[in-house]
PDB file of N, CA and C in Angstrom:
ATOM      1  N   MET A   1      65.895 -40.264  30.322  1.00  0.00           N
ATOM      2  CA  MET A   1      65.179 -39.128  29.553  1.00  0.00           C
ATOM      3  C   MET A   1      64.023 -39.576  28.718  1.00  0.00           C
ATOM      4  N   PRO A   2      62.738 -38.970  28.874  1.00  0.00           N
ATOM      5  CA  PRO A   2      61.676 -39.543  28.012  1.00  0.00           C
ATOM      6  C   PRO A   2      61.872 -39.399  26.544  1.00  0.00           C
ATOM      7  N   ASP A   3      61.157 -40.287  25.867  1.00  0.00           N
ATOM      8  CA  ASP A   3      61.197 -40.093  24.344  1.00  0.00           C
ATOM      9  C   ASP A   3      60.393 -38.861  23.874  1.00  0.00           C
ATOM     10  N   ASP A   4      61.139 -37.917  23.316  1.00  0.00           N
ATOM     11  CA  ASP A   4      60.539 -36.653  22.699  1.00  0.00           C
ATOM     12  C   ASP A   4      59.938 -36.919  21.386  1.00  0.00           C
ATOM     13  N   GLY A   5      59.864 -37.999  20.921  1.00  0.00           N
ATOM     14  CA  GLY A   5      59.143 -38.205  19.518  1.00  0.00           C
ATOM     15  C   GLY A   5      60.023 -37.681  18.360  1.00  0.00           C
ATOM     16  N   LEU A   6      61.242 -37.207  18.515  1.00  0.00           N
ATOM     17  CA  LEU A   6      62.019 -36.599  17.474  1.00  0.00           C
ATOM     18  C   LEU A   6      62.581 -37.656  16.645  1.00  0.00           C
ATOM     19  N   ILE A   7      62.732 -38.798  17.152  1.00  0.00           N
ATOM     20  CA  ILE A   7      63.556 -39.879  16.511  1.00  0.00           C
ATOM     21  C   ILE A   7      62.651 -41.022  16.068  1.00  0.00           C
ATOM     22  N   SER A   8      61.801 -40.594  15.024  1.00  0.00           N
ATOM     23  CA  SER A   8      60.770 -41.536  14.644  1.00  0.00           C
ATOM     24  C   SER A   8      60.356 -41.178  13.254  1.00  0.00           C
ATOM     25  N   GLY A   9      59.512 -41.940  12.638  1.00  0.00           N
ATOM     26  CA  GLY A   9      58.981 -41.507  11.293  1.00  0.00           C
ATOM     27  C   GLY A   9      60.012 -41.845  10.247  1.00  0.00           C
ATOM     28  N   ASP A  10      59.769 -41.239   9.004  1.00  0.00           N
ATOM     29  CA  ASP A  10      60.566 -41.590   7.873  1.00  0.00           C
ATOM     30  C   ASP A  10      61.647 -40.512   7.688  1.00  0.00           C
ATOM     31  N   ASN A  11      61.918 -39.609   8.432  1.00  0.00           N
ATOM     32  CA  ASN A  11      62.896 -38.647   8.249  1.00  0.00           C
ATOM     33  C   ASN A  11      64.364 -39.247   8.389  1.00  0.00           C
ATOM     34  N   PRO A  12      65.172 -39.328   7.488  1.00  0.00           N
ATOM     35  CA  PRO A  12      66.402 -40.090   7.618  1.00  0.00           C
ATOM     36  C   PRO A  12      67.380 -39.346   8.375  1.00  0.00           C
ATOM     37  N   PHE A  13      67.098 -38.061   8.609  1.00  0.00           N
ATOM     38  CA  PHE A  13      68.078 -37.132   9.386  1.00  0.00           C
ATOM     39  C   PHE A  13      67.848 -37.252  10.881  1.00  0.00           C
ATOM     40  N   LYS A  14      66.877 -37.894  11.269  1.00  0.00           N
ATOM     41  CA  LYS A  14      66.491 -38.035  12.693  1.00  0.00           C
ATOM     42  C   LYS A  14      66.736 -39.389  13.138  1.00  0.00           C
ATOM     43  N   LYS A  15      67.266 -40.301  12.319  1.00  0.00           N
ATOM     44  CA  LYS A  15      67.511 -41.693  12.719  1.00  0.00           C
ATOM     45  C   LYS A  15      69.090 -41.822  12.940  1.00  0.00           C
ATOM     46  N   ASP A  16      69.388 -42.753  13.798  1.00  0.00           N
ATOM     47  CA  ASP A  16      70.770 -42.965  14.098  1.00  0.00           C
ATOM     48  C   ASP A  16      71.553 -41.775  14.517  1.00  0.00           C
ATOM     49  N   LEU A  17      70.918 -40.756  15.433  1.00  0.00           N
ATOM     50  CA  LEU A  17      71.526 -39.597  15.814  1.00  0.00           C
ATOM     51  C   LEU A  17      72.667 -40.155  16.975  1.00  0.00           C
ATOM     52  N   VAL A  18      73.584 -39.352  16.975  1.00  0.00           N
ATOM     53  CA  VAL A  18      74.789 -39.849  17.926  1.00  0.00           C
ATOM     54  C   VAL A  18      74.927 -38.649  18.947  1.00  0.00           C
ATOM     55  N   GLU A  19      74.654 -38.989  20.155  1.00  0.00           N
ATOM     56  CA  GLU A  19      74.769 -37.903  21.229  1.00  0.00           C
ATOM     57  C   GLU A  19      76.226 -37.351  21.270  1.00  0.00           C
ATOM     58  N   GLY A  20      76.498 -36.135  21.401  1.00  0.00           N
ATOM     59  CA  GLY A  20      77.768 -35.472  21.399  1.00  0.00           C
ATOM     60  C   GLY A  20      78.228 -35.079  20.036  1.00  0.00           C
ATOM     61  N   ILE A  21      77.638 -35.662  19.048  1.00  0.00           N
ATOM     62  CA  ILE A  21      78.063 -35.253  17.661  1.00  0.00           C
ATOM     63  C   ILE A  21      76.836 -34.558  16.892  1.00  0.00           C
ATOM     64  N   ASP A  22      75.595 -35.161  17.043  1.00  0.00           N
ATOM     65  CA  ASP A  22      74.470 -34.648  16.439  1.00  0.00           C
ATOM     66  C   ASP A  22      73.619 -33.731  17.333  1.00  0.00           C
ATOM     67  N   PHE A  23      73.801 -34.057  18.641  1.00  0.00           N
ATOM     68  CA  PHE A  23      72.878 -33.339  19.621  1.00  0.00           C
ATOM     69  C   PHE A  23      73.583 -33.459  20.956  1.00  0.00           C
ATOM     70  N   TYR A  24      73.083 -32.780  21.897  1.00  0.00           N
ATOM     71  CA  TYR A  24      73.427 -32.851  23.279  1.00  0.00           C
ATOM     72  C   TYR A  24      72.267 -32.432  24.124  1.00  0.00           C
ATOM     73  N   TYR A  25      72.215 -32.711  25.381  1.00  0.00           N
ATOM     74  CA  TYR A  25      71.274 -32.409  26.291  1.00  0.00           C
ATOM     75  C   TYR A  25      71.744 -31.110  27.136  1.00  0.00           C
ATOM     76  N   ASN A  26      70.744 -30.114  27.102  1.00  0.00           N
ATOM     77  CA  ASN A  26      71.243 -28.894  27.805  1.00  0.00           C
ATOM     78  C   ASN A  26      71.025 -29.075  29.352  1.00  0.00           C
ATOM     79  N   GLU A  27      71.216 -28.094  30.149  1.00  0.00           N
ATOM     80  CA  GLU A  27      71.059 -28.198  31.632  1.00  0.00           C
ATOM     81  C   GLU A  27      69.693 -28.374  32.021  1.00  0.00           C
ATOM     82  N   ASP A  28      68.699 -28.006  31.070  1.00  0.00           N
ATOM     83  CA  ASP A  28      67.264 -28.040  31.426  1.00  0.00           C
ATOM     84  C   ASP A  28      66.724 -29.528  30.741  1.00  0.00           C
ATOM     85  N   GLY A  29      67.632 -30.255  30.336  1.00  0.00           N
ATOM     86  CA  GLY A  29      67.166 -31.630  29.845  1.00  0.00           C
ATOM     87  C   GLY A  29      66.616 -31.461  28.217  1.00  0.00           C
ATOM     88  N   TYR A  30      66.644 -30.413  27.609  1.00  0.00           N
ATOM     89  CA  TYR A  30      66.257 -30.257  26.276  1.00  0.00           C
ATOM     90  C   TYR A  30      67.295 -30.908  25.257  1.00  0.00           C
ATOM     91  N   LYS A  31      66.893 -31.434  24.252  1.00  0.00           N
ATOM     92  CA  LYS A  31      67.811 -31.859  23.138  1.00  0.00           C
ATOM     93  C   LYS A  31      68.137 -30.622  22.277  1.00  0.00           C
ATOM     94  N   VAL A  32      69.514 -30.377  22.018  1.00  0.00           N
ATOM     95  CA  VAL A  32      70.000 -29.245  21.303  1.00  0.00           C
ATOM     96  C   VAL A  32      70.769 -29.997  20.220  1.00  0.00           C
ATOM     97  N   PHE A  33      70.308 -29.615  18.969  1.00  0.00           N
ATOM     98  CA  PHE A  33      71.070 -30.175  17.842  1.00  0.00           C
ATOM     99  C   PHE A  33      72.296 -29.259  17.393  1.00  0.00           C
ATOM    100  N   THR A  34      73.381 -29.938  17.065  1.00  0.00           N
ATOM    101  CA  THR A  34      74.647 -29.311  16.782  1.00  0.00           C
ATOM    102  C   THR A  34      74.639 -28.786  15.416  1.00  0.00           C
ATOM    103  N   GLU A  35      75.671 -27.934  15.135  1.00  0.00           N
ATOM    104  CA  GLU A  35      75.991 -27.481  13.733  1.00  0.00           C
ATOM    105  C   GLU A  35      76.136 -28.615  12.842  1.00  0.00           C
ATOM    106  N   ALA A  36      76.755 -29.692  13.263  1.00  0.00           N
ATOM    107  CA  ALA A  36      77.009 -30.828  12.322  1.00  0.00           C
ATOM    108  C   ALA A  36      75.717 -31.608  11.939  1.00  0.00           C
ATOM    109  N   TYR A  37      74.625 -31.699  12.842  1.00  0.00           N
ATOM    110  CA  TYR A  37      73.449 -32.197  12.560  1.00  0.00           C
ATOM    111  C   TYR A  37      72.771 -31.273  11.403  1.00  0.00           C
ATOM    112  N   HIS A  38      72.726 -30.043  11.772  1.00  0.00           N
ATOM    113  CA  HIS A  38      72.017 -29.016  10.849  1.00  0.00           C
ATOM    114  C   HIS A  38      72.758 -29.077   9.412  1.00  0.00           C
ATOM    115  N   LEU A  39      74.043 -29.246   9.406  1.00  0.00           N
ATOM    116  CA  LEU A  39      74.656 -29.396   8.033  1.00  0.00           C
ATOM    117  C   LEU A  39      74.330 -30.676   7.380  1.00  0.00           C
ATOM    118  N   LYS A  40      74.187 -31.817   8.181  1.00  0.00           N
ATOM    119  CA  LYS A  40      73.827 -33.052   7.549  1.00  0.00           C
ATOM    120  C   LYS A  40      72.353 -32.999   7.088  1.00  0.00           C
ATOM    121  N   ARG A  41      71.456 -32.155   7.687  1.00  0.00           N
ATOM    122  CA  ARG A  41      70.267 -32.214   7.300  1.00  0.00           C
ATOM    123  C   ARG A  41      70.023 -31.439   6.057  1.00  0.00           C
ATOM    124  N   GLY A  42      70.860 -30.369   5.912  1.00  0.00           N
ATOM    125  CA  GLY A  42      70.952 -29.667   4.634  1.00  0.00           C
ATOM    126  C   GLY A  42      70.144 -28.444   4.489  1.00  0.00           C
ATOM    127  N   TYR A  43      69.408 -28.080   5.314  1.00  0.00           N
ATOM    128  CA  TYR A  43      68.475 -26.819   5.220  1.00  0.00           C
ATOM    129  C   TYR A  43      68.179 -26.139   6.662  1.00  0.00           C
ATOM    130  N   CYS A  44      67.821 -24.948   6.599  1.00  0.00           N
ATOM    131  CA  CYS A  44      67.331 -24.226   7.701  1.00  0.00           C
ATOM    132  C   CYS A  44      65.918 -24.377   8.099  1.00  0.00           C
ATOM    133  N   CYS A  45      65.660 -24.727   9.255  1.00  0.00           N
ATOM    134  CA  CYS A  45      64.157 -24.857   9.598  1.00  0.00           C
ATOM    135  C   CYS A  45      63.510 -23.609  10.138  1.00  0.00           C
ATOM    136  N   GLN A  46      64.330 -22.585  10.259  1.00  0.00           N
ATOM    137  CA  GLN A  46      63.935 -21.220  10.701  1.00  0.00           C
ATOM    138  C   GLN A  46      63.213 -21.167  11.998  1.00  0.00           C
ATOM    139  N   ASN A  47      63.718 -22.127  12.971  1.00  0.00           N
ATOM    140  CA  ASN A  47      63.190 -22.289  14.420  1.00  0.00           C
ATOM    141  C   ASN A  47      64.123 -21.653  15.307  1.00  0.00           C
ATOM    142  N   ASN A  48      65.077 -20.749  14.863  1.00  0.00           N
ATOM    143  CA  ASN A  48      66.070 -20.044  15.719  1.00  0.00           C
ATOM    144  C   ASN A  48      66.912 -20.866  16.474  1.00  0.00           C
ATOM    145  N   CYS A  49      67.438 -22.039  15.920  1.00  0.00           N
ATOM    146  CA  CYS A  49      68.280 -23.009  16.453  1.00  0.00           C
ATOM    147  C   CYS A  49      69.486 -22.346  17.078  1.00  0.00           C
ATOM    148  N   LYS A  50      69.946 -22.811  18.208  1.00  0.00           N
ATOM    149  CA  LYS A  50      71.170 -22.358  18.907  1.00  0.00           C
ATOM    150  C   LYS A  50      72.521 -22.486  17.945  1.00  0.00           C
ATOM    151  N   HIS A  51      72.582 -23.622  17.234  1.00  0.00           N
ATOM    152  CA  HIS A  51      73.815 -23.770  16.367  1.00  0.00           C
ATOM    153  C   HIS A  51      73.575 -23.796  14.855  1.00  0.00           C
ATOM    154  N   CYS A  52      72.635 -22.962  14.435  1.00  0.00           N
ATOM    155  CA  CYS A  52      72.323 -22.821  13.053  1.00  0.00           C
ATOM    156  C   CYS A  52      73.470 -22.413  12.247  1.00  0.00           C
ATOM    157  N   PRO A  53      73.902 -23.118  11.278  1.00  0.00           N
ATOM    158  CA  PRO A  53      75.131 -22.727  10.537  1.00  0.00           C
ATOM    159  C   PRO A  53      74.607 -21.945   9.231  1.00  0.00           C
ATOM    160  N   TYR A  54      73.375 -21.722   9.072  1.00  0.00           N
ATOM    161  CA  TYR A  54      72.752 -21.013   7.911  1.00  0.00           C
ATOM    162  C   TYR A  54      72.409 -19.500   8.178  1.00  0.00           C
ATOM    163  N   GLY A  55      72.808 -19.027   9.421  1.00  0.00           N
ATOM    164  CA  GLY A  55      72.745 -17.642   9.592  1.00  0.00           C
ATOM    165  C   GLY A  55      71.224 -17.150  10.178  1.00  0.00           C
ATOM    166  N   PHE A  56      70.400 -17.927  10.359  1.00  0.00           N
ATOM    167  CA  PHE A  56      69.109 -17.640  10.646  1.00  0.00           C
ATOM    168  C   PHE A  56      69.020 -16.659  11.893  1.00  0.00           C
ATOM    169  N   ARG A  57      69.799 -17.162  12.940  1.00  0.00           N
ATOM    170  CA  ARG A  57      69.916 -16.332  14.193  1.00  0.00           C
ATOM    171  C   ARG A  57      70.399 -14.859  13.979  1.00  0.00           C
ATOM    172  N   ASP A  58      71.261 -14.797  13.082  1.00  0.00           N
ATOM    173  CA  ASP A  58      71.990 -13.444  12.834  1.00  0.00           C
ATOM    174  C   ASP A  58      70.860 -12.605  12.074  1.00  0.00           C
ATOM    175  N   LYS A  59      69.981 -13.124  11.390  1.00  0.00           N
ATOM    176  CA  LYS A  59      68.851 -12.361  10.699  1.00  0.00           C
ATOM    177  C   LYS A  59      67.882 -11.735  11.772  1.00  0.00           C
ATOM    178  N   LEU A  60      67.755 -12.424  12.928  1.00  0.00           N
ATOM    179  CA  LEU A  60      66.704 -12.057  13.854  1.00  0.00           C
ATOM    180  C   LEU A  60      67.309 -11.001  14.676  1.00  0.00           C
ATOM    181  N   LYS A  61      68.514 -10.713  14.628  1.00  0.00           N
ATOM    182  CA  LYS A  61      69.058  -9.664  15.497  1.00  0.00           C
ATOM    183  C   LYS A  61      68.717  -8.277  15.052  1.00  0.00           C
ATOM    184  N   LYS A  62      68.238  -7.488  15.838  1.00  0.00           N
ATOM    185  CA  LYS A  62      67.823  -6.143  15.330  1.00  0.00           C
ATOM    186  C   LYS A  62      69.057  -5.358  15.541  1.00  0.00           C
ATOM    187  N   PRO A  63      69.060  -4.166  14.477  1.00  0.00           N
ATOM    188  CA  PRO A  63      70.062  -3.324  14.527  1.00  0.00           C
ATOM    189  C   PRO A  63      69.982  -2.359  15.788  1.00  0.00           C
ATOM    190  N   LYS A  64      70.971  -2.056  16.247  1.00  0.00           N
ATOM    191  CA  LYS A  64      71.138  -1.045  17.509  1.00  0.00           C
ATOM    192  C   LYS A  64      70.499   0.338  17.093  1.00  0.00           C
ATOM    193  N   GLN A  65      69.609   0.672  18.003  1.00  0.00           N
ATOM    194  CA  GLN A  65      69.071   2.114  17.848  1.00  0.00           C
ATOM    195  C   GLN A  65      70.010   3.158  18.592  1.00  0.00           C
ATOM    196  N   GLU A  66      70.241   4.232  17.856  1.00  0.00           N
ATOM    197  CA  GLU A  66      71.134   5.305  18.447  1.00  0.00           C
ATOM    198  C   GLU A  66      70.233   6.265  18.989  1.00  0.00           C
TER     199      GLU A  66
END
């Protein structure tokens, strides 16, 4: 898997990531961060993450029209 540039720089939450705990690769080869990673990071990035524990995905759902 090519380096996607996410594990570099001074961000302490992107160093020492553990595959299977902090992230996994989906069937298309993309890195998907887990709920555990998001909680460790401590805030919502508002990027519609699949495992967002902060409810951002729920806020994007539109109410059903009758």
